[in-house]
Amino acid sequence: MKRRQEQILNIVSERTFITVNELAELTYTSPSSIRRDLTYLQNNNLVKRSHGGVTLPEPISGVAGFYDRTRKNIREKRLIAQRASLLLCDGQRIILDSSSTAAFLLPYIAKYKYVTVFTNNLTTAVKAIELGIDTHCLGGHSVNGSPSLSGSETFDALSKIKADILFFSSQSLNSDGVISDSTEEENFVRSLMLRAAKKTVFLCDSEKFDKESTYILTNLNEIDHFIFDKEYEKLSKECYKNIF
């Protein structure tokens, strides 16, 4: 996504409705360029165009959708991805889970040679392909109408691969190091990913600190590395042996 398109998303997020001409003035861009950006954003379900302007799409009920999550905590996720990129190298087989945080690693992955990415997120897979990365989509059915895939096809695909490294996230992390999520299907897929990877890396922005969800995935002590955007002061000191 281009910097201007991110700027447009930030502006639209702050307003209920804004016109093309207003966006052009705020971004010092021509209306025709704004329309092209909006076409891209609408095709990715990031905005909804109507009556000469633009709004945000209506969210799916329940858990915030992937497209909503890509607009949140962008600076923090970029910082996490930058730190996580130090674990990358040529020739790796990499699993990226369905999280928006893991997707921020793609520009860094694209810099390496002979890398293969496995993911159960359709949007992440498409972006990886656009960046020229050898990409395998772990097929299945859509979870809650999102680009995240699950089901028997996903489970079967994960049982047949052995990756070098997994980058994953989740909805919640408490001070005891317990990682949890409110979506059972996605939680189960991540549990299979943990088994399929030689090295596991948990990516977590500070908004998820001090939270607990219904389904427990694992504990920080059971993974190889975890990466935050800032220090989690309440976290049990026993967990810090795995921080990267």
C-alpha atoms as a PDB file:
ATOM      1  CA  MET A   1       0.000   0.000   0.000  1.00  0.00           C
ATOM      2  CA  LYS A   2       1.299   3.482  -0.919  1.00  0.00           C
ATOM      3  CA  ARG A   3       1.935   6.109   1.757  1.00  0.00           C
ATOM      4  CA  ARG A   4      -0.776   8.351   0.265  1.00  0.00           C
ATOM      5  CA  GLN A   5      -3.296   5.506   0.442  1.00  0.00           C
ATOM      6  CA  GLU A   6      -2.450   5.034   4.118  1.00  0.00           C
ATOM      7  CA  GLN A   7      -2.924   8.772   4.592  1.00  0.00           C
ATOM      8  CA  ILE A   8      -6.355   8.537   2.935  1.00  0.00           C
ATOM      9  CA  LEU A   9      -7.335   5.686   5.273  1.00  0.00           C
ATOM     10  CA  ASN A  10      -6.298   7.708   8.304  1.00  0.00           C
ATOM     11  CA  ILE A  11      -8.356  10.697   7.134  1.00  0.00           C
ATOM     12  CA  VAL A  12     -11.430   8.592   6.345  1.00  0.00           C
ATOM     13  CA  SER A  13     -11.132   6.860   9.742  1.00  0.00           C
ATOM     14  CA  GLU A  14     -11.471  10.237  11.453  1.00  0.00           C
ATOM     15  CA  ARG A  15     -14.594  11.279   9.500  1.00  0.00           C
ATOM     16  CA  THR A  16     -17.969   9.723   8.786  1.00  0.00           C
ATOM     17  CA  PHE A  17     -17.890  10.882   5.161  1.00  0.00           C
ATOM     18  CA  ILE A  18     -15.481  12.881   2.998  1.00  0.00           C
ATOM     19  CA  THR A  19     -15.594  13.900  -0.663  1.00  0.00           C
ATOM     20  CA  VAL A  20     -12.980  13.219  -3.327  1.00  0.00           C
ATOM     21  CA  ASN A  21     -12.236  16.936  -3.671  1.00  0.00           C
ATOM     22  CA  GLU A  22     -11.716  17.308   0.067  1.00  0.00           C
ATOM     23  CA  LEU A  23      -9.298  14.382   0.055  1.00  0.00           C
ATOM     24  CA  ALA A  24      -7.460  15.922  -2.879  1.00  0.00           C
ATOM     25  CA  GLU A  25      -7.035  19.210  -0.976  1.00  0.00           C
ATOM     26  CA  LEU A  26      -5.901  17.513   2.233  1.00  0.00           C
ATOM     27  CA  THR A  27      -3.339  15.323   0.474  1.00  0.00           C
ATOM     28  CA  TYR A  28      -2.225  17.918  -2.120  1.00  0.00           C
ATOM     29  CA  THR A  29      -3.140  15.460  -4.861  1.00  0.00           C
ATOM     30  CA  SER A  30      -5.277  15.679  -7.984  1.00  0.00           C
ATOM     31  CA  PRO A  31      -8.851  14.314  -7.810  1.00  0.00           C
ATOM     32  CA  SER A  32      -8.018  11.808 -10.568  1.00  0.00           C
ATOM     33  CA  SER A  33      -5.160  10.375  -8.499  1.00  0.00           C
ATOM     34  CA  ILE A  34      -7.427  10.203  -5.447  1.00  0.00           C
ATOM     35  CA  ARG A  35     -10.024   8.281  -7.487  1.00  0.00           C
ATOM     36  CA  ARG A  36      -7.375   5.737  -8.516  1.00  0.00           C
ATOM     37  CA  ASP A  37      -6.326   5.326  -4.891  1.00  0.00           C
ATOM     38  CA  LEU A  38      -9.940   4.896  -3.821  1.00  0.00           C
ATOM     39  CA  THR A  39     -10.479   2.243  -6.497  1.00  0.00           C
ATOM     40  CA  TYR A  40      -7.556   0.261  -5.071  1.00  0.00           C
ATOM     41  CA  LEU A  41      -8.772   0.709  -1.483  1.00  0.00           C
ATOM     42  CA  GLN A  42     -12.347  -0.226  -2.362  1.00  0.00           C
ATOM     43  CA  ASN A  43     -11.201  -3.348  -4.239  1.00  0.00           C
ATOM     44  CA  ASN A  44      -9.456  -4.393  -1.027  1.00  0.00           C
ATOM     45  CA  ASN A  45     -12.579  -3.612   1.024  1.00  0.00           C
ATOM     46  CA  LEU A  46     -10.792  -0.864   2.943  1.00  0.00           C
ATOM     47  CA  VAL A  47     -13.246   1.905   2.002  1.00  0.00           C
ATOM     48  CA  LYS A  48     -16.724   2.254   0.532  1.00  0.00           C
ATOM     49  CA  ARG A  49     -17.373   4.828  -2.204  1.00  0.00           C
ATOM     50  CA  SER A  50     -20.746   6.547  -2.491  1.00  0.00           C
ATOM     51  CA  HIS A  51     -22.243   9.798  -3.852  1.00  0.00           C
ATOM     52  CA  GLY A  52     -18.951  11.435  -4.809  1.00  0.00           C
ATOM     53  CA  GLY A  53     -17.223  10.592  -1.567  1.00  0.00           C
ATOM     54  CA  VAL A  54     -15.996   7.790   0.622  1.00  0.00           C
ATOM     55  CA  THR A  55     -16.737   6.133   3.968  1.00  0.00           C
ATOM     56  CA  LEU A  56     -15.395   3.144   5.842  1.00  0.00           C
ATOM     57  CA  PRO A  57     -17.025  -0.230   5.051  1.00  0.00           C
ATOM     58  CA  GLU A  58     -19.439  -1.603   7.614  1.00  0.00           C
ATOM     59  CA  PRO A  59     -17.550  -3.927   9.963  1.00  0.00           C
ATOM     60  CA  ILE A  60     -18.414  -7.603  10.217  1.00  0.00           C
ATOM     61  CA  SER A  61     -20.208  -8.258  13.481  1.00  0.00           C
ATOM     62  CA  GLY A  62     -18.071  -9.725  16.245  1.00  0.00           C
ATOM     63  CA  VAL A  63     -14.289  -9.716  16.043  1.00  0.00           C
ATOM     64  CA  ALA A  64     -12.693  -6.808  14.168  1.00  0.00           C
ATOM     65  CA  GLY A  65     -12.021  -7.876  10.606  1.00  0.00           C
ATOM     66  CA  PHE A  66      -8.607  -8.138   8.976  1.00  0.00           C
ATOM     67  CA  TYR A  67      -9.079  -4.903   7.018  1.00  0.00           C
ATOM     68  CA  ASP A  68      -9.986  -3.034  10.201  1.00  0.00           C
ATOM     69  CA  ARG A  69      -6.898  -4.427  11.931  1.00  0.00           C
ATOM     70  CA  THR A  70      -4.595  -3.291   9.100  1.00  0.00           C
ATOM     71  CA  ARG A  71      -5.586   0.305   9.894  1.00  0.00           C
ATOM     72  CA  LYS A  72      -4.834   0.037  13.610  1.00  0.00           C
ATOM     73  CA  ASN A  73      -1.483   0.609  15.300  1.00  0.00           C
ATOM     74  CA  ILE A  74       0.369   0.879  11.993  1.00  0.00           C
ATOM     75  CA  ARG A  75       3.459   2.522  13.500  1.00  0.00           C
ATOM     76  CA  GLU A  76       3.697  -0.140  16.221  1.00  0.00           C
ATOM     77  CA  LYS A  77       3.279  -3.009  13.756  1.00  0.00           C
ATOM     78  CA  ARG A  78       5.927  -1.564  11.457  1.00  0.00           C
ATOM     79  CA  LEU A  79       8.341  -1.349  14.367  1.00  0.00           C
ATOM     80  CA  ILE A  80       7.618  -4.958  15.330  1.00  0.00           C
ATOM     81  CA  ALA A  81       8.109  -6.096  11.722  1.00  0.00           C
ATOM     82  CA  GLN A  82      11.403  -4.235  11.486  1.00  0.00           C
ATOM     83  CA  ARG A  83      12.676  -5.989  14.611  1.00  0.00           C
ATOM     84  CA  ALA A  84      11.355  -9.368  13.466  1.00  0.00           C
ATOM     85  CA  SER A  85      13.092  -8.970  10.095  1.00  0.00           C
ATOM     86  CA  LEU A  86      16.422  -9.592  11.828  1.00  0.00           C
ATOM     87  CA  LEU A  87      15.385 -13.252  12.066  1.00  0.00           C
ATOM     88  CA  LEU A  88      15.040 -13.586   8.282  1.00  0.00           C
ATOM     89  CA  CYS A  89      17.610 -15.092   5.919  1.00  0.00           C
ATOM     90  CA  ASP A  90      17.907 -16.516   2.407  1.00  0.00           C
ATOM     91  CA  GLY A  91      16.267 -19.858   1.687  1.00  0.00           C
ATOM     92  CA  GLN A  92      13.812 -19.851   4.575  1.00  0.00           C
ATOM     93  CA  ARG A  93      10.425 -21.554   4.546  1.00  0.00           C
ATOM     94  CA  ILE A  94       8.230 -19.096   6.419  1.00  0.00           C
ATOM     95  CA  ILE A  95       4.710 -19.432   7.836  1.00  0.00           C
ATOM     96  CA  LEU A  96       2.741 -16.216   8.322  1.00  0.00           C
ATOM     97  CA  ASP A  97      -0.522 -16.594  10.218  1.00  0.00           C
ATOM     98  CA  SER A  98      -3.713 -14.702   9.357  1.00  0.00           C
ATOM     99  CA  SER A  99      -2.847 -11.672  11.493  1.00  0.00           C
ATOM    100  CA  SER A 100      -2.343  -8.185  10.094  1.00  0.00           C
ATOM    101  CA  THR A 101       0.831  -7.895  12.191  1.00  0.00           C
ATOM    102  CA  ALA A 102       2.519 -10.793  10.389  1.00  0.00           C
ATOM    103  CA  ALA A 103       1.598  -9.262   7.016  1.00  0.00           C
ATOM    104  CA  PHE A 104       3.773  -6.230   7.787  1.00  0.00           C
ATOM    105  CA  LEU A 105       6.802  -8.525   7.386  1.00  0.00           C
ATOM    106  CA  LEU A 106       6.246  -9.013   3.644  1.00  0.00           C
ATOM    107  CA  PRO A 107       8.375  -6.092   2.366  1.00  0.00           C
ATOM    108  CA  TYR A 108      11.293  -7.408   4.428  1.00  0.00           C
ATOM    109  CA  ILE A 109      10.804 -11.005   3.290  1.00  0.00           C
ATOM    110  CA  ALA A 110      10.834  -9.854  -0.340  1.00  0.00           C
ATOM    111  CA  LYS A 111      14.459  -8.716   0.051  1.00  0.00           C
ATOM    112  CA  TYR A 112      15.691 -12.289   0.543  1.00  0.00           C
ATOM    113  CA  LYS A 113      16.407 -14.981  -2.060  1.00  0.00           C
ATOM    114  CA  TYR A 114      14.857 -18.433  -2.404  1.00  0.00           C
ATOM    115  CA  VAL A 115      12.269 -17.765   0.315  1.00  0.00           C
ATOM    116  CA  THR A 116       8.917 -19.558   0.451  1.00  0.00           C
ATOM    117  CA  VAL A 117       5.908 -18.191   2.331  1.00  0.00           C
ATOM    118  CA  PHE A 118       2.966 -20.240   3.564  1.00  0.00           C
ATOM    119  CA  THR A 119      -0.118 -18.394   4.811  1.00  0.00           C
ATOM    120  CA  ASN A 120      -3.826 -18.957   5.430  1.00  0.00           C
ATOM    121  CA  ASN A 121      -4.693 -15.335   4.681  1.00  0.00           C
ATOM    122  CA  LEU A 122      -5.804 -14.578   1.119  1.00  0.00           C
ATOM    123  CA  THR A 123      -4.876 -10.905   1.290  1.00  0.00           C
ATOM    124  CA  THR A 124      -1.421 -11.690   2.678  1.00  0.00           C
ATOM    125  CA  ALA A 125      -0.933 -14.292  -0.064  1.00  0.00           C
ATOM    126  CA  VAL A 126      -1.871 -11.839  -2.839  1.00  0.00           C
ATOM    127  CA  LYS A 127       0.474  -9.163  -1.460  1.00  0.00           C
ATOM    128  CA  ALA A 128       3.294 -11.722  -1.207  1.00  0.00           C
ATOM    129  CA  ILE A 129       2.753 -12.741  -4.827  1.00  0.00           C
ATOM    130  CA  GLU A 130       2.769  -9.085  -5.925  1.00  0.00           C
ATOM    131  CA  LEU A 131       6.153  -8.707  -4.194  1.00  0.00           C
ATOM    132  CA  GLY A 132       7.539 -11.659  -6.135  1.00  0.00           C
ATOM    133  CA  ILE A 133       7.669 -14.059  -3.187  1.00  0.00           C
ATOM    134  CA  ASP A 134       7.172 -17.790  -3.790  1.00  0.00           C
ATOM    135  CA  THR A 135       3.803 -18.175  -2.062  1.00  0.00           C
ATOM    136  CA  HIS A 136       1.616 -21.088  -0.974  1.00  0.00           C
ATOM    137  CA  CYS A 137      -1.923 -20.358   0.213  1.00  0.00           C
ATOM    138  CA  LEU A 138      -3.161 -22.820   2.825  1.00  0.00           C
ATOM    139  CA  GLY A 139      -6.647 -23.319   1.378  1.00  0.00           C
ATOM    140  CA  GLY A 140      -9.898 -23.712   3.256  1.00  0.00           C
ATOM    141  CA  HIS A 141     -13.097 -21.791   3.921  1.00  0.00           C
ATOM    142  CA  SER A 142     -13.398 -18.148   4.944  1.00  0.00           C
ATOM    143  CA  VAL A 143     -13.612 -17.505   8.696  1.00  0.00           C
ATOM    144  CA  ASN A 144     -16.482 -15.103   9.462  1.00  0.00           C
ATOM    145  CA  GLY A 145     -16.388 -13.666   5.945  1.00  0.00           C
ATOM    146  CA  SER A 146     -12.748 -12.609   6.311  1.00  0.00           C
ATOM    147  CA  PRO A 147      -9.711 -13.427   4.108  1.00  0.00           C
ATOM    148  CA  SER A 148      -8.532 -15.833   6.848  1.00  0.00           C
ATOM    149  CA  LEU A 149      -8.926 -19.486   5.852  1.00  0.00           C
ATOM    150  CA  SER A 150      -9.595 -22.525   8.010  1.00  0.00           C
ATOM    151  CA  GLY A 151     -11.107 -25.997   7.791  1.00  0.00           C
ATOM    152  CA  SER A 152      -9.991 -29.462   6.726  1.00  0.00           C
ATOM    153  CA  GLU A 153      -8.037 -28.243   3.672  1.00  0.00           C
ATOM    154  CA  THR A 154      -6.017 -25.848   5.823  1.00  0.00           C
ATOM    155  CA  PHE A 155      -5.419 -28.505   8.482  1.00  0.00           C
ATOM    156  CA  ASP A 156      -4.311 -31.049   5.871  1.00  0.00           C
ATOM    157  CA  ALA A 157      -1.937 -28.583   4.194  1.00  0.00           C
ATOM    158  CA  LEU A 158      -0.276 -27.728   7.503  1.00  0.00           C
ATOM    159  CA  SER A 159       0.206 -31.402   8.336  1.00  0.00           C
ATOM    160  CA  LYS A 160       2.313 -31.830   5.183  1.00  0.00           C
ATOM    161  CA  ILE A 161       4.818 -29.014   5.603  1.00  0.00           C
ATOM    162  CA  LYS A 162       7.789 -28.310   7.849  1.00  0.00           C
ATOM    163  CA  ALA A 163       8.767 -24.659   7.965  1.00  0.00           C
ATOM    164  CA  ASP A 164      11.890 -23.018   9.317  1.00  0.00           C
ATOM    165  CA  ILE A 165      10.072 -20.223  11.125  1.00  0.00           C
ATOM    166  CA  LEU A 166       6.552 -19.083  12.070  1.00  0.00           C
ATOM    167  CA  PHE A 167       5.558 -15.471  12.694  1.00  0.00           C
ATOM    168  CA  PHE A 168       2.189 -15.205  14.419  1.00  0.00           C
ATOM    169  CA  SER A 169       0.047 -12.954  16.570  1.00  0.00           C
ATOM    170  CA  SER A 170      -3.154 -13.240  18.582  1.00  0.00           C
ATOM    171  CA  GLN A 171      -5.764 -11.046  20.250  1.00  0.00           C
ATOM    172  CA  SER A 172      -4.649 -11.186  23.859  1.00  0.00           C
ATOM    173  CA  LEU A 173      -1.654 -11.521  26.169  1.00  0.00           C
ATOM    174  CA  ASN A 174      -1.803 -11.432  29.957  1.00  0.00           C
ATOM    175  CA  SER A 175       0.931 -10.755  32.497  1.00  0.00           C
ATOM    176  CA  ASP A 176       1.533 -14.494  33.034  1.00  0.00           C
ATOM    177  CA  GLY A 177       2.491 -14.828  29.372  1.00  0.00           C
ATOM    178  CA  VAL A 178      -0.721 -16.603  28.311  1.00  0.00           C
ATOM    179  CA  ILE A 179      -1.559 -16.023  24.625  1.00  0.00           C
ATOM    180  CA  SER A 180      -5.260 -16.351  23.758  1.00  0.00           C
ATOM    181  CA  ASP A 181      -7.859 -15.545  21.102  1.00  0.00           C
ATOM    182  CA  SER A 182     -11.650 -15.277  20.845  1.00  0.00           C
ATOM    183  CA  THR A 183     -11.941 -17.168  17.532  1.00  0.00           C
ATOM    184  CA  GLU A 184     -11.688 -20.932  18.040  1.00  0.00           C
ATOM    185  CA  GLU A 185     -10.997 -21.771  14.389  1.00  0.00           C
ATOM    186  CA  GLU A 186      -8.114 -19.343  13.994  1.00  0.00           C
ATOM    187  CA  ASN A 187      -6.707 -20.430  17.352  1.00  0.00           C
ATOM    188  CA  PHE A 188      -6.686 -24.075  16.224  1.00  0.00           C
ATOM    189  CA  VAL A 189      -4.981 -23.206  12.928  1.00  0.00           C
ATOM    190  CA  ARG A 190      -2.265 -21.382  14.866  1.00  0.00           C
ATOM    191  CA  SER A 191      -1.762 -24.417  17.096  1.00  0.00           C
ATOM    192  CA  LEU A 192      -1.055 -26.481  13.958  1.00  0.00           C
ATOM    193  CA  MET A 193       1.314 -23.802  12.697  1.00  0.00           C
ATOM    194  CA  LEU A 194       3.250 -23.976  15.953  1.00  0.00           C
ATOM    195  CA  ARG A 195       3.765 -27.705  15.391  1.00  0.00           C
ATOM    196  CA  ALA A 196       4.781 -27.202  11.752  1.00  0.00           C
ATOM    197  CA  ALA A 197       7.610 -24.718  12.409  1.00  0.00           C
ATOM    198  CA  LYS A 198      11.098 -25.308  13.780  1.00  0.00           C
ATOM    199  CA  LYS A 199      11.238 -21.793  15.257  1.00  0.00           C
ATOM    200  CA  THR A 200       8.246 -19.788  16.529  1.00  0.00           C
ATOM    201  CA  VAL A 201       8.023 -16.008  16.900  1.00  0.00           C
ATOM    202  CA  PHE A 202       5.129 -14.171  18.587  1.00  0.00           C
ATOM    203  CA  LEU A 203       4.443 -10.611  17.393  1.00  0.00           C
ATOM    204  CA  CYS A 204       2.374  -8.456  19.737  1.00  0.00           C
ATOM    205  CA  ASP A 205       1.642  -4.734  19.920  1.00  0.00           C
ATOM    206  CA  SER A 206       1.055  -3.170  23.318  1.00  0.00           C
ATOM    207  CA  GLU A 207      -2.691  -2.706  22.784  1.00  0.00           C
ATOM    208  CA  LYS A 208      -3.050  -6.458  23.422  1.00  0.00           C
ATOM    209  CA  PHE A 209      -1.312  -6.354  26.807  1.00  0.00           C
ATOM    210  CA  ASP A 210      -3.299  -7.188  29.962  1.00  0.00           C
ATOM    211  CA  LYS A 211      -6.065  -8.925  27.991  1.00  0.00           C
ATOM    212  CA  GLU A 212      -7.550 -12.411  28.033  1.00  0.00           C
ATOM    213  CA  SER A 213      -9.716 -14.166  25.432  1.00  0.00           C
ATOM    214  CA  THR A 214     -11.749 -17.368  25.516  1.00  0.00           C
ATOM    215  CA  TYR A 215      -9.374 -19.806  23.832  1.00  0.00           C
ATOM    216  CA  ILE A 216      -5.830 -20.298  25.135  1.00  0.00           C
ATOM    217  CA  LEU A 217      -3.208 -20.916  22.462  1.00  0.00           C
ATOM    218  CA  THR A 218       0.115 -21.162  24.282  1.00  0.00           C
ATOM    219  CA  ASN A 219       2.459 -19.402  26.700  1.00  0.00           C
ATOM    220  CA  LEU A 220       5.436 -17.171  25.974  1.00  0.00           C
ATOM    221  CA  ASN A 221       7.648 -19.734  27.725  1.00  0.00           C
ATOM    222  CA  GLU A 222       6.700 -22.310  25.068  1.00  0.00           C
ATOM    223  CA  ILE A 223       7.797 -20.284  22.014  1.00  0.00           C
ATOM    224  CA  ASP A 224      11.263 -19.312  20.825  1.00  0.00           C
ATOM    225  CA  HIS A 225      10.997 -15.523  20.607  1.00  0.00           C
ATOM    226  CA  PHE A 226       8.494 -12.747  21.193  1.00  0.00           C
ATOM    227  CA  ILE A 227       8.656  -9.198  19.866  1.00  0.00           C
ATOM    228  CA  PHE A 228       6.768  -6.174  21.248  1.00  0.00           C
ATOM    229  CA  ASP A 229       6.688  -2.510  20.234  1.00  0.00           C
ATOM    230  CA  LYS A 230       7.481  -1.547  23.824  1.00  0.00           C
ATOM    231  CA  GLU A 231       8.227  -3.152  27.163  1.00  0.00           C
ATOM    232  CA  TYR A 232       5.393  -4.997  28.924  1.00  0.00           C
ATOM    233  CA  GLU A 233       6.167  -3.896  32.477  1.00  0.00           C
ATOM    234  CA  LYS A 234       3.666  -6.231  34.152  1.00  0.00           C
ATOM    235  CA  LEU A 235       4.903  -9.330  32.344  1.00  0.00           C
ATOM    236  CA  SER A 236       6.299 -12.090  34.517  1.00  0.00           C
ATOM    237  CA  LYS A 237      10.096 -11.912  34.550  1.00  0.00           C
ATOM    238  CA  GLU A 238      10.227 -15.651  33.817  1.00  0.00           C
ATOM    239  CA  CYS A 239       8.927 -14.936  30.317  1.00  0.00           C
ATOM    240  CA  TYR A 240      11.669 -12.489  29.376  1.00  0.00           C
ATOM    241  CA  LYS A 241      14.207 -15.177  28.570  1.00  0.00           C
ATOM    242  CA  ASN A 242      12.576 -15.478  25.117  1.00  0.00           C
ATOM    243  CA  ILE A 243      12.346 -11.805  24.182  1.00  0.00           C
ATOM    244  CA  PHE A 244      14.103 -10.807  20.967  1.00  0.00           C
END
